[in-house]
């Protein structure tokens, strides 16, 4: 009993530190905390596949091996969404004045496996959004980044003009609320279920829980119930958040157990222990039925899902090519994304890049990428610009959807192409001098050339443009048609030319003029 109490307190301390670290990483207070996301189960698996990362493969193997060795410790110790569920479960008990008690829950294994099958097949078909919505880390991240950003902007704009004497604020363009509302609504449902009946999400819809449960079912030293010591007092059942203890048959379902240690901490008879299940604990086999209708229904549903999910994923993935941002402008992907098709297949939309974008230009996409990329990061140059020296998004991406870039690669990574609309420029429409776009361009892709009446207008050097959006962000033009300089996203990111070589070549090609003779 004392041993399990110590393990329970250790679990509480470790899990709270994990949650605090992730919150710090998503609030930009400690960017290095975001590196911990690469150790989460699904991100480490995807990164190992997409970037052939040995470190990610080792981290994934460690989590899988821990489940195969002793059960689902990951779910209680390392999962940020699991920690939040535990907090709300505790709050649910406090609100009910300790009258709340857990009870044995039905084992919805077929539901878990069917949800996992559909999500994986859709992801293989090219639509990873459902898997990202159900992945516990990505769901936590979508809310920490997307919902947090939406609430911050709403609060900022509501206070604008009221507290300027105390805190100077600037109005910020609003982000689409539907992706944030979808992720926020799902999170509220998960936390509400946790407050009512504990870890319901973990044993019904969570794909990570389904995989770890299958491994934990064959664990070598799982948490179990000793039938010789169990007195059927039911104290363990009352504190079991997973609802996996059948005290009547003296069984603990290791497939659903999240290793919270609550049961061992309250058992006065030492019936909870680690180790292989004794043979006598295995219940007698039920008489075989001629027809297992539930099994047949599950197999039929699995077959239909397999037949439909892959084509559906491919169909939705192809819709990404028709995605357009505001004004019909192709969306701009974060640096390091590579091709749009590969980026949308790999990104789970966790929002870690959005939370740590120093230029405040990343936001969750609505339909910019089509349905295939709803909630995934897209650049909005109405809000900010892609900072020339910043590499947070590519450095922190846990799934490998963004390639880690060096400083030189980032400086030359073409994420978009600038378009200059002369008829919108204030130099042409108002006859006033400007040049703000060329002044702020970090690569010299905009050069000021003579116009008329001693005025100059920008000229685009296409091979130098990296699509950082500095020009669009600073452009003073406002209107329904858009700004005078607009960045259009590219379907595949390439390397821009070296500014020094291009400018030197341009200067040498200019004809020499003779001096005026005196």
Protein backbone atom coordinates (compact mmCIF):
# COMPACT_ATOMS: atom_id res chain seq x y z
CA UNK A 1 0.00 0.00 0.00
CA UNK A 2 2.80 2.42 0.90
CA UNK A 3 4.63 1.54 -2.31
CA UNK A 4 1.61 2.41 -4.40
CA UNK A 5 1.04 5.65 -2.50
CA UNK A 6 4.59 6.70 -3.32
CA UNK A 7 4.06 5.74 -6.96
CA UNK A 8 0.82 7.71 -7.01
CA UNK A 9 2.51 10.83 -5.63
CA UNK A 10 5.36 10.35 -8.10
CA UNK A 11 2.81 10.14 -10.90
CA UNK A 12 1.14 13.36 -9.74
CA UNK A 13 4.43 15.27 -9.55
CA UNK A 14 5.74 14.01 -12.89
CA UNK A 15 2.45 14.57 -14.72
CA UNK A 16 2.09 18.12 -13.39
CA UNK A 17 5.65 18.91 -14.45
CA UNK A 18 4.89 17.50 -17.90
CA UNK A 19 1.74 19.62 -18.19
CA UNK A 20 3.57 22.74 -16.96
CA UNK A 21 6.36 22.13 -19.47
CA UNK A 22 3.95 21.80 -22.38
CA UNK A 23 2.03 24.90 -21.32
CA UNK A 24 5.31 26.81 -21.15
CA UNK A 25 6.28 25.52 -24.58
CA UNK A 26 2.96 26.57 -26.10
CA UNK A 27 3.03 29.99 -24.43
CA UNK A 28 6.52 30.83 -25.75
CA UNK A 29 7.78 31.23 -22.18
CA UNK A 30 10.27 28.43 -22.74
CA UNK A 31 10.66 27.45 -26.38
CA UNK A 32 12.95 24.57 -25.45
CA UNK A 33 10.02 22.90 -23.66
CA UNK A 34 8.47 22.39 -27.07
CA UNK A 35 11.23 19.89 -27.83
CA UNK A 36 9.49 17.49 -25.42
CA UNK A 37 6.69 17.13 -27.98
CA UNK A 38 9.02 15.04 -30.13
CA UNK A 39 8.79 12.34 -27.46
CA UNK A 40 5.00 12.04 -27.66
CA UNK A 41 3.74 8.76 -29.10
CA UNK A 42 2.19 9.72 -32.45
CA UNK A 43 4.58 12.62 -33.26
CA UNK A 44 7.65 10.47 -32.60
CA UNK A 45 6.24 7.71 -34.82
CA UNK A 46 5.49 10.12 -37.68
CA UNK A 47 8.87 11.83 -37.37
CA UNK A 48 10.67 8.50 -37.44
CA UNK A 49 8.82 7.60 -40.66
CA UNK A 50 9.02 10.93 -42.46
CA UNK A 51 12.47 12.18 -41.44
CA UNK A 52 14.12 8.85 -40.60
CA UNK A 53 15.00 10.24 -37.18
CA UNK A 54 16.83 7.71 -35.02
CA UNK A 55 16.10 9.72 -31.87
CA UNK A 56 12.36 9.74 -32.61
CA UNK A 57 12.43 6.02 -33.35
CA UNK A 58 14.13 5.36 -30.01
CA UNK A 59 11.60 7.53 -28.14
CA UNK A 60 8.71 5.75 -29.85
CA UNK A 61 10.24 2.38 -29.04
CA UNK A 62 10.69 3.35 -25.38
CA UNK A 63 7.00 4.23 -24.99
CA UNK A 64 5.89 1.07 -26.81
CA UNK A 65 8.30 -1.07 -24.78
CA UNK A 66 7.08 0.44 -21.51
CA UNK A 67 3.51 -0.54 -22.41
CA UNK A 68 4.63 -4.03 -23.36
CA UNK A 69 6.59 -4.32 -20.13
CA UNK A 70 4.25 -2.94 -17.47
CA UNK A 71 1.21 -1.28 -19.06
CA UNK A 72 0.02 2.17 -20.08
CA UNK A 73 2.24 4.33 -17.85
CA UNK A 74 2.52 6.84 -20.69
CA UNK A 75 -1.17 7.71 -20.37
CA UNK A 76 -0.86 8.90 -16.76
CA UNK A 77 2.71 10.19 -16.67
CA UNK A 78 3.50 11.76 -20.06
CA UNK A 79 0.24 12.62 -21.85
CA UNK A 80 -0.73 16.31 -21.36
CA UNK A 81 -4.37 15.64 -22.26
CA UNK A 82 -4.44 12.75 -19.80
CA UNK A 83 -3.17 15.05 -17.05
CA UNK A 84 -5.89 17.58 -17.86
CA UNK A 85 -8.50 14.82 -17.68
CA UNK A 86 -7.19 13.82 -14.26
CA UNK A 87 -7.46 17.42 -13.06
CA UNK A 88 -11.05 17.72 -14.26
CA UNK A 89 -11.87 14.30 -12.83
CA UNK A 90 -10.65 15.55 -9.47
CA UNK A 91 -12.67 18.74 -9.83
CA UNK A 92 -15.72 16.63 -10.66
CA UNK A 93 -15.32 14.74 -7.40
CA UNK A 94 -14.91 17.97 -5.43
CA UNK A 95 -18.00 19.55 -6.95
CA UNK A 96 -20.06 16.51 -6.01
CA UNK A 97 -18.82 16.80 -2.41
CA UNK A 98 -17.07 13.41 -2.54
CA UNK A 99 -20.30 11.56 -3.34
CA UNK A 100 -18.98 10.79 -6.80
CA UNK A 101 -17.74 7.26 -7.26
CA UNK A 102 -16.35 5.47 -10.28
CA UNK A 103 -17.68 2.13 -11.38
CA UNK A 104 -16.89 -0.67 -13.80
CA UNK A 105 -17.26 0.51 -17.39
CA UNK A 106 -18.03 -1.73 -20.37
CA UNK A 107 -15.05 -2.68 -22.49
CA UNK A 108 -15.65 -0.94 -25.83
CA UNK A 109 -12.74 -2.61 -27.53
CA UNK A 110 -14.46 -2.93 -30.89
CA UNK A 111 -15.27 0.77 -30.85
CA UNK A 112 -11.65 1.64 -30.06
CA UNK A 113 -10.30 -0.57 -32.81
CA UNK A 114 -12.84 0.66 -35.37
CA UNK A 115 -12.07 4.33 -34.64
CA UNK A 116 -8.35 3.59 -34.85
CA UNK A 117 -8.80 1.73 -38.14
CA UNK A 118 -10.82 4.53 -39.76
CA UNK A 119 -8.45 7.28 -38.58
CA UNK A 120 -5.36 5.41 -39.78
CA UNK A 121 -6.87 4.54 -43.16
CA UNK A 122 -7.96 8.14 -43.74
CA UNK A 123 -4.42 9.26 -42.87
CA UNK A 124 -2.94 6.72 -45.28
CA UNK A 125 -5.31 8.04 -47.93
CA UNK A 126 -3.98 11.55 -47.37
CA UNK A 127 -6.40 13.08 -44.83
CA UNK A 128 -4.67 13.20 -41.47
CA UNK A 129 -7.03 15.74 -39.85
CA UNK A 130 -9.27 13.16 -38.05
CA UNK A 131 -6.21 11.41 -36.63
CA UNK A 132 -4.85 14.79 -35.52
CA UNK A 133 -8.13 15.68 -33.83
CA UNK A 134 -8.18 12.43 -31.86
CA UNK A 135 -4.46 12.27 -31.05
CA UNK A 136 -4.26 13.42 -27.40
CA UNK A 137 -1.13 15.55 -27.82
CA UNK A 138 -2.38 17.23 -31.01
CA UNK A 139 -5.81 17.90 -29.49
CA UNK A 140 -4.12 19.48 -26.48
CA UNK A 141 -1.88 21.54 -28.77
CA UNK A 142 -4.71 22.72 -31.02
CA UNK A 143 -6.40 24.22 -27.99
CA UNK A 144 -3.25 25.59 -26.37
CA UNK A 145 -2.30 27.35 -29.62
CA UNK A 146 -5.44 27.88 -31.71
CA UNK A 147 -8.02 28.54 -29.00
CA UNK A 148 -5.49 30.50 -26.96
CA UNK A 149 -4.66 32.68 -29.96
CA UNK A 150 -8.33 33.31 -30.75
CA UNK A 151 -9.11 34.26 -27.14
CA UNK A 152 -6.05 36.53 -26.97
CA UNK A 153 -7.03 38.40 -30.15
CA UNK A 154 -10.64 38.78 -28.99
CA UNK A 155 -9.47 40.14 -25.64
CA UNK A 156 -6.92 42.42 -27.28
CA UNK A 157 -9.45 43.92 -29.69
CA UNK A 158 -12.11 44.34 -27.01
CA UNK A 159 -9.65 46.28 -24.81
CA UNK A 160 -8.26 48.35 -27.68
CA UNK A 161 -9.00 52.02 -27.09
CA UNK A 162 -9.96 51.49 -23.46
CA UNK A 163 -6.65 50.93 -21.71
CA UNK A 164 -4.26 52.73 -24.08
CA UNK A 165 -3.07 54.98 -21.28
CA UNK A 166 -1.93 51.96 -19.28
CA UNK A 167 -1.03 49.33 -21.88
CA UNK A 168 -0.51 50.34 -25.54
CA UNK A 169 -2.45 47.95 -27.76
CA UNK A 170 -2.92 47.61 -31.49
CA UNK A 171 -5.95 46.01 -33.16
CA UNK A 172 -5.18 42.61 -34.66
CA UNK A 173 -7.06 40.86 -37.48
CA UNK A 174 -9.32 38.11 -36.26
CA UNK A 175 -8.52 34.47 -37.01
CA UNK A 176 -11.15 31.95 -38.21
CA UNK A 177 -13.12 30.78 -35.20
CA UNK A 178 -14.46 27.52 -36.67
CA UNK A 179 -11.20 25.50 -36.35
CA UNK A 180 -10.75 26.81 -32.81
CA UNK A 181 -14.40 26.10 -31.99
CA UNK A 182 -14.13 22.55 -33.35
CA UNK A 183 -11.01 21.76 -31.32
CA UNK A 184 -12.36 23.59 -28.27
CA UNK A 185 -15.69 21.80 -28.42
CA UNK A 186 -14.01 18.40 -28.63
CA UNK A 187 -11.74 19.27 -25.71
CA UNK A 188 -14.68 20.41 -23.59
CA UNK A 189 -16.47 17.14 -24.38
CA UNK A 190 -13.40 15.13 -23.35
CA UNK A 191 -12.91 17.10 -20.12
CA UNK A 192 -16.62 17.00 -19.34
CA UNK A 193 -16.64 13.22 -19.73
CA UNK A 194 -13.57 13.03 -17.49
CA UNK A 195 -15.29 15.07 -14.80
CA UNK A 196 -18.30 12.77 -15.01
CA UNK A 197 -16.78 9.30 -15.43
CA UNK A 198 -12.99 9.56 -15.67
CA UNK A 199 -10.93 8.40 -18.65
CA UNK A 200 -13.80 7.64 -21.02
CA UNK A 201 -12.04 9.23 -24.01
CA UNK A 202 -8.87 7.21 -23.42
CA UNK A 203 -10.72 3.90 -23.72
CA UNK A 204 -13.16 4.75 -26.51
CA UNK A 205 -11.84 7.27 -29.07
CA UNK A 206 -8.14 7.78 -28.36
CA UNK A 207 -6.02 6.10 -31.06
CA UNK A 208 -2.91 6.17 -28.87
CA UNK A 209 -4.83 4.51 -26.05
CA UNK A 210 -6.05 1.82 -28.45
CA UNK A 211 -2.51 0.97 -29.61
CA UNK A 212 -0.99 1.06 -26.13
CA UNK A 213 -3.91 -1.00 -24.82
CA UNK A 214 -3.22 -3.75 -27.34
CA UNK A 215 0.41 -3.79 -26.21
CA UNK A 216 -0.47 -3.62 -22.50
CA UNK A 217 -2.78 -6.60 -22.92
CA UNK A 218 0.34 -8.73 -23.41
CA UNK A 219 2.46 -6.89 -20.83
CA UNK A 220 5.05 -8.96 -18.96
CA UNK A 221 4.58 -7.28 -15.56
CA UNK A 222 1.21 -5.51 -15.65
CA UNK A 223 -0.77 -4.12 -12.77
CA UNK A 224 -3.13 -6.86 -11.63
CA UNK A 225 -5.49 -8.10 -8.95
CA UNK A 226 -4.50 -11.04 -6.74
CA UNK A 227 -7.67 -13.16 -6.33
CA UNK A 228 -6.30 -14.80 -3.17
CA UNK A 229 -5.98 -11.47 -1.35
CA UNK A 230 -8.94 -9.60 -2.80
CA UNK A 231 -11.81 -9.28 -0.29
CA UNK A 232 -14.21 -7.67 -2.79
CA UNK A 233 -14.49 -4.55 -0.66
CA UNK A 234 -14.84 -2.41 -3.79
CA UNK A 235 -12.57 0.43 -2.63
CA UNK A 236 -10.38 0.06 -5.72
CA UNK A 237 -13.38 0.32 -8.04
CA UNK A 238 -14.42 3.64 -6.49
CA UNK A 239 -11.11 5.30 -7.40
CA UNK A 240 -10.44 3.61 -10.76
CA UNK A 241 -10.62 6.38 -13.39
CA UNK A 242 -10.46 3.88 -16.24
CA UNK A 243 -13.37 1.82 -14.89
CA UNK A 244 -11.41 -1.36 -15.59
CA UNK A 245 -11.67 -3.28 -12.27
CA UNK A 246 -14.21 -6.09 -12.07
CA UNK A 247 -14.28 -6.81 -8.35
CA UNK A 248 -16.94 -9.48 -8.71
CA UNK A 249 -14.64 -11.65 -10.83
CA UNK A 250 -11.50 -10.26 -9.17
CA UNK A 251 -10.04 -9.02 -12.46
CA UNK A 252 -8.21 -5.90 -13.57
CA UNK A 253 -8.32 -5.23 -17.33
CA UNK A 254 -4.74 -4.26 -18.19
CA UNK A 255 -5.79 -3.24 -21.69
CA UNK A 256 -7.80 -0.31 -20.30
CA UNK A 257 -5.77 0.42 -17.14
CA UNK A 258 -3.89 3.75 -17.35
CA UNK A 259 -1.59 2.94 -14.39
CA UNK A 260 -2.70 5.82 -12.17
CA UNK A 261 -1.92 3.77 -9.01
CA UNK A 262 -5.10 4.93 -7.25
CA UNK A 263 -6.29 1.37 -6.68
CA UNK A 264 -3.06 0.22 -5.03
CA UNK A 265 -2.99 3.30 -2.81
CA UNK A 266 -6.39 2.47 -1.24
CA UNK A 267 -6.19 -1.34 -1.11
CA UNK A 268 -5.70 -2.42 2.53
CA UNK A 269 -5.20 -6.09 1.70
CA UNK A 270 -2.33 -5.85 -0.78
CA UNK A 271 -4.40 -7.37 -3.58
CA UNK A 272 -3.03 -4.94 -6.18
CA UNK A 273 0.40 -5.97 -7.44
CA UNK A 274 2.70 -6.03 -10.43
CA UNK A 275 3.39 -9.32 -12.12
CA UNK A 276 2.01 -11.96 -14.40
CA UNK A 277 -1.62 -12.86 -13.88
CA UNK A 278 -2.05 -16.21 -12.08
CA UNK A 279 -3.75 -18.90 -14.10
CA UNK A 280 -6.55 -19.16 -11.55
CA UNK A 281 -7.43 -15.50 -12.18
CA UNK A 282 -8.37 -16.21 -15.76
CA UNK A 283 -12.16 -16.65 -15.87
CA UNK A 284 -13.56 -19.86 -17.27
CA UNK A 285 -14.36 -19.83 -20.93
CA UNK A 286 -17.93 -19.10 -21.79
CA UNK A 287 -19.77 -21.69 -23.85
CA UNK A 288 -19.21 -21.06 -27.53
CA UNK A 289 -22.11 -19.66 -29.43
CA UNK A 290 -22.94 -20.84 -32.88
CA UNK A 291 -23.03 -17.28 -34.22
CA UNK A 292 -21.27 -14.28 -32.68
CA UNK A 293 -23.39 -11.49 -34.11
CA UNK A 294 -21.34 -8.74 -32.46
CA UNK A 295 -18.15 -10.06 -33.99
CA UNK A 296 -19.78 -10.33 -37.39
CA UNK A 297 -21.07 -6.77 -37.13
CA UNK A 298 -17.61 -5.52 -36.18
CA UNK A 299 -15.94 -7.34 -39.07
CA UNK A 300 -18.55 -5.98 -41.46
CA UNK A 301 -18.03 -2.43 -40.18
CA UNK A 302 -14.26 -2.85 -40.41
CA UNK A 303 -14.54 -4.11 -43.98
CA UNK A 304 -16.78 -1.24 -45.04
CA UNK A 305 -14.46 1.25 -43.34
CA UNK A 306 -11.43 -0.20 -45.10
CA UNK A 307 -13.23 -0.01 -48.44
CA UNK A 308 -14.37 3.60 -48.01
CA UNK A 309 -11.74 5.31 -45.84
CA UNK A 310 -8.80 5.11 -48.26
CA UNK A 311 -10.73 6.51 -51.28
CA UNK A 312 -12.31 9.16 -49.05
CA UNK A 313 -8.89 10.22 -47.79
CA UNK A 314 -7.54 10.49 -51.33
CA UNK A 315 -10.57 12.47 -52.50
CA UNK A 316 -10.28 14.98 -49.66
CA UNK A 317 -6.52 15.24 -50.16
CA UNK A 318 -7.04 16.25 -53.80
CA UNK A 319 -9.31 19.08 -52.62
CA UNK A 320 -6.21 20.76 -51.18
CA UNK A 321 -5.19 21.88 -54.66
CA UNK A 322 -8.31 24.05 -54.87
CA UNK A 323 -7.75 25.72 -51.52
CA UNK A 324 -7.48 29.51 -51.65
CA UNK A 325 -6.85 32.10 -48.98
CA UNK A 326 -8.56 35.46 -48.78
CA UNK A 327 -8.90 37.13 -52.18
CA UNK A 328 -8.17 33.91 -54.05
CA UNK A 329 -4.48 33.97 -53.09
CA UNK A 330 -2.83 30.51 -52.82
CA UNK A 331 -1.98 29.73 -49.17
CA UNK A 332 1.57 30.08 -47.88
CA UNK A 333 3.02 27.14 -45.94
CA UNK A 334 5.57 27.50 -43.12
CA UNK A 335 9.24 27.29 -44.13
CA UNK A 336 10.50 23.73 -44.30
CA UNK A 337 7.17 22.27 -45.47
CA UNK A 338 8.57 21.19 -48.83
CA UNK A 339 5.66 20.21 -51.07
CA UNK A 340 2.08 20.99 -50.12
CA UNK A 341 0.97 17.41 -50.63
CA UNK A 342 3.59 15.99 -48.26
CA UNK A 343 3.03 18.73 -45.70
CA UNK A 344 -0.70 18.08 -45.48
CA UNK A 345 -0.09 14.34 -45.15
CA UNK A 346 2.33 14.75 -42.23
CA UNK A 347 1.04 17.66 -40.14
CA UNK A 348 -1.35 16.77 -37.31
CA UNK A 349 -2.12 20.43 -36.60
CA UNK A 350 -0.76 20.43 -33.05
CA UNK A 351 -0.14 24.19 -33.24
CA UNK A 352 3.31 24.22 -31.63
CA UNK A 353 4.66 26.26 -34.54
CA UNK A 354 1.74 28.69 -34.27
CA UNK A 355 2.35 29.27 -30.59
CA UNK A 356 6.08 29.94 -31.09
CA UNK A 357 5.93 32.07 -34.26
CA UNK A 358 7.86 35.25 -33.41
CA UNK A 359 6.31 37.10 -36.34
CA UNK A 360 2.77 36.20 -35.19
CA UNK A 361 1.93 35.30 -38.78
CA UNK A 362 1.00 31.63 -38.40
CA UNK A 363 -2.62 30.74 -37.72
CA UNK A 364 -4.81 27.61 -37.99
CA UNK A 365 -6.15 27.24 -41.52
CA UNK A 366 -9.86 27.15 -42.22
CA UNK A 367 -10.36 26.21 -45.88
CA UNK A 368 -7.17 27.71 -47.29
CA UNK A 369 -5.87 24.20 -47.96
CA UNK A 370 -9.34 22.74 -48.45
CA UNK A 371 -10.76 20.11 -46.10
CA UNK A 372 -7.44 18.25 -46.23
CA UNK A 373 -5.69 20.92 -44.17
CA UNK A 374 -8.30 22.34 -41.81
CA UNK A 375 -6.56 23.45 -38.62
CA UNK A 376 -3.06 23.11 -40.04
CA UNK A 377 -0.74 26.16 -39.95
CA UNK A 378 -0.91 28.78 -42.69
CA UNK A 379 0.79 32.17 -42.91
CA UNK A 380 -1.31 35.33 -42.79
CA UNK A 381 0.63 38.47 -43.65
CA UNK A 382 -2.22 40.68 -42.51
CA UNK A 383 -1.23 39.73 -38.97
CA UNK A 384 2.56 39.68 -39.21
CA UNK A 385 5.54 38.60 -41.26
CA UNK A 386 7.85 35.60 -41.35
CA UNK A 387 10.88 36.83 -39.42
CA UNK A 388 14.06 36.44 -41.46
CA UNK A 389 16.15 35.00 -38.61
CA UNK A 390 13.42 32.92 -36.91
CA UNK A 391 13.44 29.14 -37.32
CA UNK A 392 11.18 28.15 -34.43
CA UNK A 393 8.56 26.39 -36.56
CA UNK A 394 10.98 24.11 -38.40
CA UNK A 395 13.08 23.47 -35.29
CA UNK A 396 10.13 22.55 -33.06
CA UNK A 397 7.87 20.59 -35.43
CA UNK A 398 7.44 17.23 -33.64
CA UNK A 399 6.03 15.20 -36.54
CA UNK A 400 8.59 16.05 -39.22
CA UNK A 401 6.02 17.88 -41.35
CA UNK A 402 8.51 20.77 -41.35
CA UNK A 403 12.12 19.99 -42.16
CA UNK A 404 14.63 21.42 -39.68
CA UNK A 405 16.38 24.25 -41.53
CA UNK A 406 19.80 25.77 -41.06
CA UNK A 407 20.14 29.55 -40.99
CA UNK A 408 21.32 29.57 -44.62
CA UNK A 409 18.47 27.30 -45.74
CA UNK A 410 15.92 29.49 -43.98
CA UNK A 411 17.32 32.66 -45.59
CA UNK A 412 16.90 31.13 -49.05
CA UNK A 413 13.72 29.06 -48.54
CA UNK A 414 11.09 30.31 -51.00
CA UNK A 415 7.73 29.87 -49.28
CA UNK A 416 5.92 32.19 -51.67
CA UNK A 417 6.22 34.61 -54.58
CA UNK A 418 5.44 38.31 -54.42
CA UNK A 419 3.05 39.93 -56.87
CA UNK A 420 3.13 43.71 -57.41
CA UNK A 421 -0.19 45.31 -58.38
CA UNK A 422 0.81 48.66 -59.78
CA UNK A 423 -2.73 49.99 -60.03
CA UNK A 424 -3.12 49.72 -56.23
CA UNK A 425 0.19 51.35 -55.26
CA UNK A 426 -0.08 54.73 -53.50
CA UNK A 427 2.68 56.07 -55.74
CA UNK A 428 0.38 55.56 -58.73
CA UNK A 429 -3.00 56.28 -57.14
CA UNK A 430 -2.01 59.23 -54.93
CA UNK A 431 1.20 60.42 -56.52
CA UNK A 432 3.06 60.22 -53.20
CA UNK A 433 6.46 58.75 -52.43
CA UNK A 434 6.54 55.42 -50.56
CA UNK A 435 9.03 52.58 -51.02
CA UNK A 436 8.24 50.91 -47.68
CA UNK A 437 8.13 47.47 -49.30
CA UNK A 438 11.62 47.74 -50.78
CA UNK A 439 12.98 49.23 -47.58
CA UNK A 440 11.83 46.26 -45.48
CA UNK A 441 12.64 43.47 -47.97
CA UNK A 442 15.47 41.42 -46.40
CA UNK A 443 16.67 39.89 -49.69
CA UNK A 444 16.46 42.88 -52.04
CA UNK A 445 13.72 41.28 -54.12
CA UNK A 446 12.03 44.67 -54.50
CA UNK A 447 14.09 47.40 -56.17
CA UNK A 448 12.89 50.97 -56.56
CA UNK A 449 13.02 52.19 -60.18
CA UNK A 450 12.15 55.61 -61.67
CA UNK A 451 8.47 56.24 -62.31
CA UNK A 452 7.69 59.89 -63.06
CA UNK A 453 7.83 63.29 -61.43
CA UNK A 454 10.92 62.20 -59.47
CA UNK A 455 8.95 59.31 -57.95
CA UNK A 456 9.99 55.67 -57.83
CA UNK A 457 7.98 52.45 -57.80
CA UNK A 458 9.00 48.91 -56.81
CA UNK A 459 10.17 46.36 -59.32
CA UNK A 460 10.23 42.65 -58.44
CA UNK A 461 13.41 40.61 -58.78
CA UNK A 462 11.64 37.25 -58.80
CA UNK A 463 14.68 35.02 -58.24
CA UNK A 464 15.43 36.80 -54.95
CA UNK A 465 11.95 36.65 -53.40
CA UNK A 466 11.47 34.15 -50.58
CA UNK A 467 7.86 35.14 -49.81
CA UNK A 468 8.53 36.24 -46.23
CA UNK A 469 5.69 38.79 -46.39
CA UNK A 470 7.62 41.76 -45.00
CA UNK A 471 6.51 43.81 -48.00
CA UNK A 472 2.85 42.84 -47.74
CA UNK A 473 2.75 43.40 -43.99
CA UNK A 474 4.23 46.90 -44.21
CA UNK A 475 2.32 48.01 -47.33
CA UNK A 476 0.04 50.94 -46.37
CA UNK A 477 -2.61 50.10 -48.97
CA UNK A 478 -5.90 48.83 -47.58
CA UNK A 479 -9.00 47.85 -49.45
CA UNK A 480 -11.22 45.03 -50.55
CA UNK A 481 -8.98 44.14 -53.48
CA UNK A 482 -5.93 43.73 -51.26
CA UNK A 483 -2.57 45.41 -50.90
CA UNK A 484 -0.26 46.59 -53.65
CA UNK A 485 2.16 43.75 -52.93
CA UNK A 486 0.75 40.30 -52.19
CA UNK A 487 2.56 37.04 -51.51
CA UNK A 488 1.19 33.98 -53.30
CA UNK A 489 1.96 30.56 -51.87
CA UNK A 490 3.81 27.93 -53.87
CA UNK A 491 2.91 24.26 -54.18
CA UNK A 492 6.54 23.26 -53.65
CA UNK A 493 9.13 25.27 -51.78
CA UNK A 494 12.45 25.81 -53.55
CA UNK A 495 15.72 27.64 -52.90
CA UNK A 496 15.94 31.29 -53.88
CA UNK A 497 19.00 32.78 -55.54
CA UNK A 498 21.85 34.44 -53.66
CA UNK A 499 21.12 38.21 -53.46
CA UNK A 500 24.78 39.24 -53.84
CA UNK A 501 25.26 37.27 -57.06
CA UNK A 502 22.02 38.45 -58.63
CA UNK A 503 22.59 42.11 -57.80
CA UNK A 504 26.20 41.98 -58.99
CA UNK A 505 25.02 40.39 -62.25
CA UNK A 506 22.38 43.11 -62.67
CA UNK A 507 24.93 45.86 -62.14
CA UNK A 508 27.39 44.39 -64.66
CA UNK A 509 24.66 44.08 -67.28
CA UNK A 510 23.72 47.76 -67.02
CA UNK A 511 25.23 49.79 -69.91
CA UNK A 512 27.96 52.25 -68.99
CA UNK A 513 27.13 55.92 -69.68
CA UNK A 514 29.70 58.39 -70.89
CA UNK A 515 30.56 61.29 -68.63
CA UNK A 516 29.23 64.71 -69.62
CA UNK A 517 32.10 66.56 -71.34
CA UNK A 518 33.03 69.98 -70.01
